[in-house]
Amino acid sequence: MPESDPADPMDVRVASVTDAPACARVMRESRAAAMPWLPVLHTPDEDRAYLEGVLARLPAWVATHEDRVVGYAVLDPEAGTLEHLYLSPEAQRRGTGSALLTAVRSAAEGPLELWVFAGNAGARAFYAGHGGRELYSTDGHDNEERTPDVRVRLPPMTG
């Protein structure tokens, strides 16, 4: 079901706090599929409550397919950072991540930076394919998972 198939459309819209439960589900599904080695530190209810706070204070977008949230992205415009971009496993490699990233980059003023776990080869390749440049890596001492990560800079949108 490619994104371009008119019989199977995917939509991107501005997120609201009421999307928090669906976003929490997407985050958990995405992490479990892409990074099964990543420690799970929070309950589903804690993830939902956390995302309610995030969605209440930062601009965010959700991708939906047949009225079901299949991905989301969050921008911190003040910091110039992409705070979240997660996709349900069934939404990957279908243009969903690119559509969400385009929404975020279109709203940003200038380049964006983000963290990606070093072991998440798929995400690293995704950002590289969108012009991302890896700036430096850490041993994970500053993230709550204590897992090595990489700082990436995405150039601003052109045209």
N, C-alpha and C. Protein backbone atom coordinates (compact mmCIF):
# COMPACT_ATOMS: atom_id res chain seq x y z
N MET A 1 0.83 -1.18 0.00
CA MET A 1 0.00 0.00 0.00
C MET A 1 0.88 1.25 0.00
N PRO A 2 1.46 1.58 -1.13
CA PRO A 2 2.29 2.77 -1.18
C PRO A 2 1.46 4.02 -0.97
N GLU A 3 2.16 5.06 -0.47
CA GLU A 3 1.49 6.32 -0.16
C GLU A 3 0.78 6.89 -1.38
N SER A 4 1.33 6.68 -2.58
CA SER A 4 0.76 7.29 -3.77
C SER A 4 -0.48 6.57 -4.28
N ASP A 5 -0.83 5.44 -3.74
CA ASP A 5 -2.00 4.69 -4.17
C ASP A 5 -3.27 5.43 -3.74
N PRO A 6 -4.05 6.00 -4.70
CA PRO A 6 -5.23 6.77 -4.32
C PRO A 6 -6.30 5.95 -3.62
N ALA A 7 -6.27 4.65 -3.77
CA ALA A 7 -7.25 3.79 -3.09
C ALA A 7 -6.88 3.57 -1.63
N ASP A 8 -5.68 3.95 -1.25
CA ASP A 8 -5.18 3.69 0.10
C ASP A 8 -4.46 4.91 0.65
N PRO A 9 -5.17 6.04 0.81
CA PRO A 9 -4.49 7.29 1.16
C PRO A 9 -4.03 7.36 2.61
N MET A 10 -2.98 8.14 2.80
CA MET A 10 -2.46 8.45 4.13
C MET A 10 -2.55 9.97 4.26
N ASP A 11 -3.00 10.44 5.41
CA ASP A 11 -3.13 11.87 5.64
C ASP A 11 -2.20 12.29 6.76
N VAL A 12 -1.73 13.53 6.69
CA VAL A 12 -0.96 14.14 7.77
C VAL A 12 -1.75 15.36 8.23
N ARG A 13 -1.94 15.44 9.54
CA ARG A 13 -2.66 16.58 10.11
C ARG A 13 -1.97 17.02 11.40
N VAL A 14 -2.33 18.22 11.85
CA VAL A 14 -1.81 18.73 13.11
C VAL A 14 -2.36 17.85 14.24
N ALA A 15 -1.50 17.52 15.18
CA ALA A 15 -1.90 16.67 16.31
C ALA A 15 -2.53 17.51 17.41
N SER A 16 -3.30 16.83 18.25
CA SER A 16 -3.86 17.45 19.45
C SER A 16 -3.57 16.54 20.64
N VAL A 17 -3.84 17.06 21.83
CA VAL A 17 -3.61 16.28 23.05
C VAL A 17 -4.42 14.99 23.02
N THR A 18 -5.56 14.99 22.38
CA THR A 18 -6.38 13.77 22.33
C THR A 18 -5.72 12.66 21.52
N ASP A 19 -4.66 12.98 20.77
CA ASP A 19 -3.91 11.97 20.02
C ASP A 19 -2.88 11.24 20.89
N ALA A 20 -2.70 11.69 22.12
CA ALA A 20 -1.65 11.11 22.97
C ALA A 20 -1.74 9.59 23.12
N PRO A 21 -2.92 9.01 23.38
CA PRO A 21 -2.95 7.54 23.51
C PRO A 21 -2.49 6.83 22.24
N ALA A 22 -2.92 7.32 21.09
CA ALA A 22 -2.51 6.69 19.82
C ALA A 22 -1.02 6.90 19.58
N CYS A 23 -0.50 8.08 19.89
CA CYS A 23 0.94 8.32 19.73
C CYS A 23 1.76 7.44 20.67
N ALA A 24 1.28 7.25 21.88
CA ALA A 24 1.98 6.37 22.82
C ALA A 24 2.02 4.94 22.28
N ARG A 25 0.92 4.50 21.70
CA ARG A 25 0.88 3.16 21.10
C ARG A 25 1.89 3.06 19.97
N VAL A 26 1.92 4.07 19.09
CA VAL A 26 2.85 4.08 17.97
C VAL A 26 4.29 4.05 18.47
N MET A 27 4.61 4.87 19.48
CA MET A 27 5.97 4.91 20.00
C MET A 27 6.39 3.53 20.53
N ARG A 28 5.52 2.88 21.28
CA ARG A 28 5.85 1.57 21.84
C ARG A 28 6.02 0.52 20.74
N GLU A 29 5.10 0.51 19.77
CA GLU A 29 5.20 -0.45 18.66
C GLU A 29 6.48 -0.23 17.87
N SER A 30 6.77 1.03 17.58
CA SER A 30 7.95 1.37 16.79
C SER A 30 9.23 0.95 17.49
N ARG A 31 9.33 1.30 18.76
CA ARG A 31 10.54 0.96 19.52
C ARG A 31 10.71 -0.56 19.62
N ALA A 32 9.63 -1.27 19.86
CA ALA A 32 9.72 -2.73 19.99
C ALA A 32 10.17 -3.38 18.69
N ALA A 33 9.68 -2.87 17.56
CA ALA A 33 10.03 -3.46 16.27
C ALA A 33 11.43 -3.07 15.81
N ALA A 34 11.78 -1.79 15.94
CA ALA A 34 13.05 -1.31 15.40
C ALA A 34 14.22 -1.48 16.37
N MET A 35 13.91 -1.48 17.66
CA MET A 35 14.98 -1.50 18.66
C MET A 35 14.62 -2.45 19.81
N PRO A 36 14.49 -3.73 19.53
CA PRO A 36 14.10 -4.67 20.61
C PRO A 36 15.12 -4.73 21.74
N TRP A 37 16.32 -4.25 21.51
CA TRP A 37 17.38 -4.22 22.51
C TRP A 37 17.27 -3.02 23.44
N LEU A 38 16.42 -2.06 23.10
CA LEU A 38 16.30 -0.85 23.90
C LEU A 38 15.53 -1.13 25.19
N PRO A 39 16.03 -0.70 26.34
CA PRO A 39 15.29 -0.95 27.58
C PRO A 39 13.93 -0.25 27.56
N VAL A 40 12.92 -0.93 28.07
CA VAL A 40 11.58 -0.34 28.23
C VAL A 40 11.50 0.17 29.66
N LEU A 41 11.44 1.49 29.81
CA LEU A 41 11.54 2.10 31.13
C LEU A 41 10.21 2.59 31.69
N HIS A 42 9.20 2.68 30.84
CA HIS A 42 7.93 3.27 31.28
C HIS A 42 6.75 2.39 30.91
N THR A 43 5.69 2.52 31.68
CA THR A 43 4.45 1.79 31.39
C THR A 43 3.70 2.51 30.27
N PRO A 44 2.74 1.83 29.65
CA PRO A 44 1.92 2.51 28.63
C PRO A 44 1.23 3.75 29.18
N ASP A 45 0.75 3.70 30.43
CA ASP A 45 0.10 4.88 31.01
C ASP A 45 1.08 6.03 31.21
N GLU A 46 2.31 5.72 31.60
CA GLU A 46 3.32 6.77 31.75
C GLU A 46 3.66 7.39 30.40
N ASP A 47 3.76 6.55 29.36
CA ASP A 47 4.02 7.07 28.01
C ASP A 47 2.89 8.00 27.56
N ARG A 48 1.65 7.60 27.79
CA ARG A 48 0.49 8.41 27.41
C ARG A 48 0.52 9.75 28.13
N ALA A 49 0.74 9.73 29.45
CA ALA A 49 0.78 10.97 30.23
C ALA A 49 1.92 11.88 29.75
N TYR A 50 3.07 11.30 29.49
CA TYR A 50 4.20 12.07 28.98
C TYR A 50 3.83 12.75 27.67
N LEU A 51 3.23 11.98 26.74
CA LEU A 51 2.89 12.54 25.44
C LEU A 51 1.77 13.56 25.52
N GLU A 52 0.87 13.42 26.48
CA GLU A 52 -0.14 14.46 26.68
C GLU A 52 0.55 15.79 26.97
N GLY A 53 1.56 15.77 27.83
CA GLY A 53 2.30 16.99 28.14
C GLY A 53 3.05 17.53 26.94
N VAL A 54 3.69 16.65 26.18
CA VAL A 54 4.43 17.07 24.99
C VAL A 54 3.48 17.70 23.97
N LEU A 55 2.36 17.03 23.70
CA LEU A 55 1.42 17.52 22.69
C LEU A 55 0.70 18.79 23.13
N ALA A 56 0.66 19.04 24.43
CA ALA A 56 0.03 20.26 24.94
C ALA A 56 0.94 21.48 24.75
N ARG A 57 2.26 21.25 24.65
CA ARG A 57 3.16 22.40 24.62
C ARG A 57 3.97 22.56 23.34
N LEU A 58 4.03 21.54 22.50
CA LEU A 58 4.85 21.63 21.28
C LEU A 58 4.03 21.30 20.04
N PRO A 59 4.36 21.91 18.90
CA PRO A 59 3.66 21.57 17.66
C PRO A 59 4.00 20.13 17.24
N ALA A 60 2.98 19.45 16.79
CA ALA A 60 3.15 18.04 16.40
C ALA A 60 2.19 17.71 15.27
N TRP A 61 2.50 16.63 14.57
CA TRP A 61 1.69 16.16 13.45
C TRP A 61 1.51 14.66 13.60
N VAL A 62 0.37 14.18 13.12
CA VAL A 62 0.13 12.75 13.06
C VAL A 62 -0.16 12.35 11.63
N ALA A 63 0.26 11.15 11.29
CA ALA A 63 -0.10 10.53 10.02
C ALA A 63 -1.19 9.52 10.32
N THR A 64 -2.24 9.55 9.53
CA THR A 64 -3.34 8.62 9.73
C THR A 64 -3.59 7.82 8.46
N HIS A 65 -4.04 6.62 8.66
CA HIS A 65 -4.45 5.76 7.56
C HIS A 65 -5.78 5.13 8.00
N GLU A 66 -6.81 5.36 7.21
CA GLU A 66 -8.15 4.87 7.56
C GLU A 66 -8.52 5.29 8.98
N ASP A 67 -8.28 6.55 9.30
CA ASP A 67 -8.60 7.17 10.60
C ASP A 67 -7.83 6.59 11.79
N ARG A 68 -6.78 5.85 11.53
CA ARG A 68 -5.94 5.29 12.60
C ARG A 68 -4.58 5.99 12.55
N VAL A 69 -4.12 6.48 13.70
CA VAL A 69 -2.79 7.11 13.76
C VAL A 69 -1.73 6.03 13.54
N VAL A 70 -0.88 6.27 12.53
CA VAL A 70 0.18 5.32 12.20
C VAL A 70 1.57 5.93 12.35
N GLY A 71 1.62 7.21 12.72
CA GLY A 71 2.90 7.86 12.93
C GLY A 71 2.69 9.25 13.50
N TYR A 72 3.76 9.76 14.11
CA TYR A 72 3.68 11.13 14.62
C TYR A 72 5.08 11.73 14.69
N ALA A 73 5.11 13.07 14.69
CA ALA A 73 6.36 13.80 14.80
C ALA A 73 6.12 15.05 15.64
N VAL A 74 7.14 15.44 16.40
CA VAL A 74 7.04 16.60 17.30
C VAL A 74 8.24 17.51 17.05
N LEU A 75 7.96 18.80 16.96
CA LEU A 75 8.98 19.83 16.76
C LEU A 75 9.10 20.69 18.01
N ASP A 76 10.32 20.98 18.40
CA ASP A 76 10.55 22.02 19.41
C ASP A 76 11.13 23.20 18.64
N PRO A 77 10.28 24.17 18.25
CA PRO A 77 10.75 25.26 17.40
C PRO A 77 11.77 26.17 18.10
N GLU A 78 11.65 26.32 19.39
CA GLU A 78 12.58 27.17 20.12
C GLU A 78 13.99 26.58 20.13
N ALA A 79 14.07 25.29 20.32
CA ALA A 79 15.37 24.62 20.35
C ALA A 79 15.86 24.23 18.95
N GLY A 80 14.95 24.25 17.96
CA GLY A 80 15.32 23.82 16.62
C GLY A 80 15.58 22.32 16.55
N THR A 81 14.74 21.55 17.28
CA THR A 81 14.95 20.11 17.33
C THR A 81 13.71 19.32 16.93
N LEU A 82 13.96 18.22 16.28
CA LEU A 82 12.94 17.21 16.04
C LEU A 82 12.95 16.34 17.27
N GLU A 83 11.91 16.41 18.08
CA GLU A 83 11.88 15.71 19.35
C GLU A 83 11.42 14.26 19.22
N HIS A 84 10.51 13.99 18.31
CA HIS A 84 10.00 12.63 18.10
C HIS A 84 9.68 12.46 16.62
N LEU A 85 9.91 11.27 16.11
CA LEU A 85 9.36 10.82 14.84
C LEU A 85 9.28 9.30 14.95
N TYR A 86 8.07 8.82 15.10
CA TYR A 86 7.83 7.38 15.26
C TYR A 86 6.77 6.93 14.29
N LEU A 87 6.94 5.72 13.76
CA LEU A 87 5.98 5.12 12.84
C LEU A 87 5.63 3.72 13.30
N SER A 88 4.36 3.36 13.16
CA SER A 88 3.97 1.97 13.37
C SER A 88 4.71 1.12 12.34
N PRO A 89 5.05 -0.11 12.68
CA PRO A 89 5.78 -0.94 11.72
C PRO A 89 5.11 -1.04 10.36
N GLU A 90 3.77 -1.10 10.32
CA GLU A 90 3.09 -1.24 9.03
C GLU A 90 3.14 0.04 8.19
N ALA A 91 3.52 1.16 8.79
CA ALA A 91 3.59 2.43 8.06
C ALA A 91 4.99 2.74 7.55
N GLN A 92 5.95 1.90 7.87
CA GLN A 92 7.32 2.16 7.47
C GLN A 92 7.54 1.80 6.00
N ARG A 93 8.43 2.55 5.38
CA ARG A 93 8.81 2.36 3.98
C ARG A 93 7.64 2.57 3.02
N ARG A 94 6.75 3.51 3.39
CA ARG A 94 5.59 3.83 2.56
C ARG A 94 5.43 5.33 2.34
N GLY A 95 6.44 6.09 2.72
CA GLY A 95 6.38 7.54 2.56
C GLY A 95 5.83 8.28 3.77
N THR A 96 5.40 7.53 4.78
CA THR A 96 4.80 8.15 5.97
C THR A 96 5.82 8.98 6.73
N GLY A 97 6.99 8.43 6.99
CA GLY A 97 8.02 9.16 7.70
C GLY A 97 8.46 10.40 6.94
N SER A 98 8.59 10.28 5.63
CA SER A 98 8.98 11.43 4.81
C SER A 98 7.92 12.52 4.86
N ALA A 99 6.64 12.13 4.84
CA ALA A 99 5.56 13.11 4.91
C ALA A 99 5.57 13.83 6.25
N LEU A 100 5.76 13.10 7.33
CA LEU A 100 5.84 13.73 8.65
C LEU A 100 7.06 14.64 8.76
N LEU A 101 8.19 14.17 8.27
CA LEU A 101 9.40 14.97 8.34
C LEU A 101 9.24 16.26 7.51
N THR A 102 8.59 16.18 6.38
CA THR A 102 8.33 17.37 5.57
C THR A 102 7.47 18.36 6.33
N ALA A 103 6.45 17.89 7.03
CA ALA A 103 5.59 18.78 7.81
C ALA A 103 6.39 19.51 8.88
N VAL A 104 7.24 18.78 9.57
CA VAL A 104 8.06 19.37 10.63
C VAL A 104 9.05 20.36 10.04
N ARG A 105 9.76 19.95 9.01
CA ARG A 105 10.78 20.82 8.43
C ARG A 105 10.16 22.07 7.81
N SER A 106 8.95 21.97 7.29
CA SER A 106 8.27 23.13 6.71
C SER A 106 7.92 24.14 7.79
N ALA A 107 7.67 23.67 9.00
CA ALA A 107 7.31 24.56 10.11
C ALA A 107 8.53 25.12 10.84
N ALA A 108 9.67 24.50 10.63
CA ALA A 108 10.89 24.92 11.33
C ALA A 108 11.53 26.11 10.64
N GLU A 109 12.22 26.90 11.42
CA GLU A 109 12.99 28.02 10.87
C GLU A 109 14.46 27.62 10.90
N GLY A 110 14.93 27.13 9.78
CA GLY A 110 16.33 26.74 9.69
C GLY A 110 16.53 25.25 9.86
N PRO A 111 17.79 24.84 10.08
CA PRO A 111 18.09 23.42 10.23
C PRO A 111 17.50 22.86 11.52
N LEU A 112 17.37 21.56 11.55
CA LEU A 112 16.88 20.86 12.75
C LEU A 112 17.96 19.90 13.23
N GLU A 113 18.01 19.69 14.53
CA GLU A 113 18.87 18.65 15.08
C GLU A 113 18.00 17.64 15.82
N LEU A 114 18.53 16.45 15.96
CA LEU A 114 17.81 15.37 16.63
C LEU A 114 18.80 14.35 17.16
N TRP A 115 18.31 13.52 18.06
CA TRP A 115 19.07 12.37 18.56
C TRP A 115 18.48 11.11 17.96
N VAL A 116 19.35 10.18 17.61
CA VAL A 116 18.94 8.86 17.15
C VAL A 116 19.84 7.85 17.85
N PHE A 117 19.27 6.73 18.25
CA PHE A 117 20.10 5.71 18.89
C PHE A 117 21.08 5.14 17.87
N ALA A 118 22.32 4.97 18.30
CA ALA A 118 23.37 4.52 17.39
C ALA A 118 23.03 3.18 16.75
N GLY A 119 22.36 2.30 17.47
CA GLY A 119 22.03 0.99 16.94
C GLY A 119 20.81 0.96 16.03
N ASN A 120 20.15 2.09 15.83
CA ASN A 120 18.96 2.14 14.99
C ASN A 120 19.38 2.48 13.55
N ALA A 121 19.91 1.47 12.86
CA ALA A 121 20.44 1.66 11.51
C ALA A 121 19.38 2.17 10.54
N GLY A 122 18.16 1.71 10.67
CA GLY A 122 17.09 2.15 9.78
C GLY A 122 16.83 3.64 9.89
N ALA A 123 16.75 4.15 11.12
CA ALA A 123 16.52 5.58 11.33
C ALA A 123 17.73 6.40 10.86
N ARG A 124 18.91 5.91 11.12
CA ARG A 124 20.10 6.64 10.68
C ARG A 124 20.13 6.75 9.16
N ALA A 125 19.78 5.68 8.47
CA ALA A 125 19.73 5.71 7.00
C ALA A 125 18.62 6.64 6.52
N PHE A 126 17.48 6.62 7.19
CA PHE A 126 16.36 7.50 6.83
C PHE A 126 16.80 8.97 6.89
N TYR A 127 17.40 9.38 8.00
CA TYR A 127 17.82 10.77 8.13
C TYR A 127 18.93 11.12 7.15
N ALA A 128 19.86 10.20 6.91
CA ALA A 128 20.91 10.44 5.92
C ALA A 128 20.29 10.65 4.54
N GLY A 129 19.26 9.88 4.22
CA GLY A 129 18.57 10.02 2.94
C GLY A 129 17.85 11.34 2.78
N HIS A 130 17.61 12.03 3.90
CA HIS A 130 16.98 13.35 3.88
C HIS A 130 18.01 14.46 4.11
N GLY A 131 19.27 14.13 3.87
CA GLY A 131 20.33 15.14 3.98
C GLY A 131 20.92 15.29 5.36
N GLY A 132 20.54 14.41 6.29
CA GLY A 132 21.05 14.50 7.65
C GLY A 132 22.54 14.20 7.70
N ARG A 133 23.21 14.95 8.54
CA ARG A 133 24.64 14.75 8.74
C ARG A 133 24.87 14.43 10.21
N GLU A 134 25.56 13.33 10.46
CA GLU A 134 25.87 12.94 11.83
C GLU A 134 26.98 13.83 12.36
N LEU A 135 26.70 14.47 13.49
CA LEU A 135 27.65 15.43 14.06
C LEU A 135 28.61 14.79 15.04
N TYR A 136 28.07 14.00 15.97
CA TYR A 136 28.90 13.33 16.97
C TYR A 136 28.06 12.26 17.64
N SER A 137 28.73 11.38 18.37
CA SER A 137 28.03 10.31 19.08
C SER A 137 28.42 10.36 20.55
N THR A 138 27.58 9.73 21.37
CA THR A 138 27.87 9.63 22.80
C THR A 138 27.72 8.18 23.24
N ASP A 139 28.14 7.93 24.45
CA ASP A 139 27.99 6.58 25.01
C ASP A 139 26.62 6.39 25.66
N GLY A 140 25.75 7.40 25.56
CA GLY A 140 24.41 7.31 26.12
C GLY A 140 24.30 7.79 27.55
N HIS A 141 25.36 8.34 28.10
CA HIS A 141 25.34 8.74 29.52
C HIS A 141 24.29 9.81 29.83
N ASP A 142 23.85 10.57 28.83
CA ASP A 142 22.87 11.63 29.09
C ASP A 142 21.44 11.26 28.73
N ASN A 143 21.21 10.08 28.19
CA ASN A 143 19.82 9.69 27.91
C ASN A 143 19.34 8.68 28.94
N GLU A 144 18.05 8.63 29.16
CA GLU A 144 17.56 7.78 30.24
C GLU A 144 17.72 6.29 29.97
N GLU A 145 17.88 5.91 28.72
CA GLU A 145 18.08 4.50 28.38
C GLU A 145 19.53 4.07 28.58
N ARG A 146 20.43 5.06 28.73
CA ARG A 146 21.87 4.79 28.88
C ARG A 146 22.37 3.96 27.69
N THR A 147 21.93 4.39 26.49
CA THR A 147 22.22 3.68 25.25
C THR A 147 22.91 4.64 24.28
N PRO A 148 24.00 4.21 23.64
CA PRO A 148 24.71 5.10 22.72
C PRO A 148 23.78 5.76 21.70
N ASP A 149 24.05 7.05 21.44
CA ASP A 149 23.23 7.79 20.50
C ASP A 149 24.09 8.70 19.64
N VAL A 150 23.44 9.25 18.61
CA VAL A 150 24.13 10.07 17.61
C VAL A 150 23.33 11.35 17.43
N ARG A 151 24.02 12.48 17.39
CA ARG A 151 23.38 13.77 17.11
C ARG A 151 23.43 13.99 15.60
N VAL A 152 22.27 14.34 15.03
CA VAL A 152 22.14 14.52 13.58
C VAL A 152 21.62 15.93 13.31
N ARG A 153 22.12 16.54 12.25
CA ARG A 153 21.61 17.84 11.80
C ARG A 153 21.02 17.67 10.41
N LEU A 154 19.76 18.11 10.29
CA LEU A 154 19.07 18.13 8.99
C LEU A 154 19.11 19.54 8.44
N PRO A 155 19.44 19.70 7.17
CA PRO A 155 19.44 21.05 6.59
C PRO A 155 18.01 21.59 6.50
N PRO A 156 17.88 22.92 6.37
CA PRO A 156 16.53 23.47 6.20
C PRO A 156 15.91 23.01 4.88
N MET A 157 14.61 23.09 4.83
CA MET A 157 13.89 22.76 3.59
C MET A 157 14.30 23.78 2.52
N THR A 158 14.38 23.32 1.31
CA THR A 158 14.68 24.23 0.20
C THR A 158 13.44 24.36 -0.67
N GLY A 159 13.31 25.52 -1.26
CA GLY A 159 12.22 25.80 -2.18
C GLY A 159 10.93 25.63 -1.56
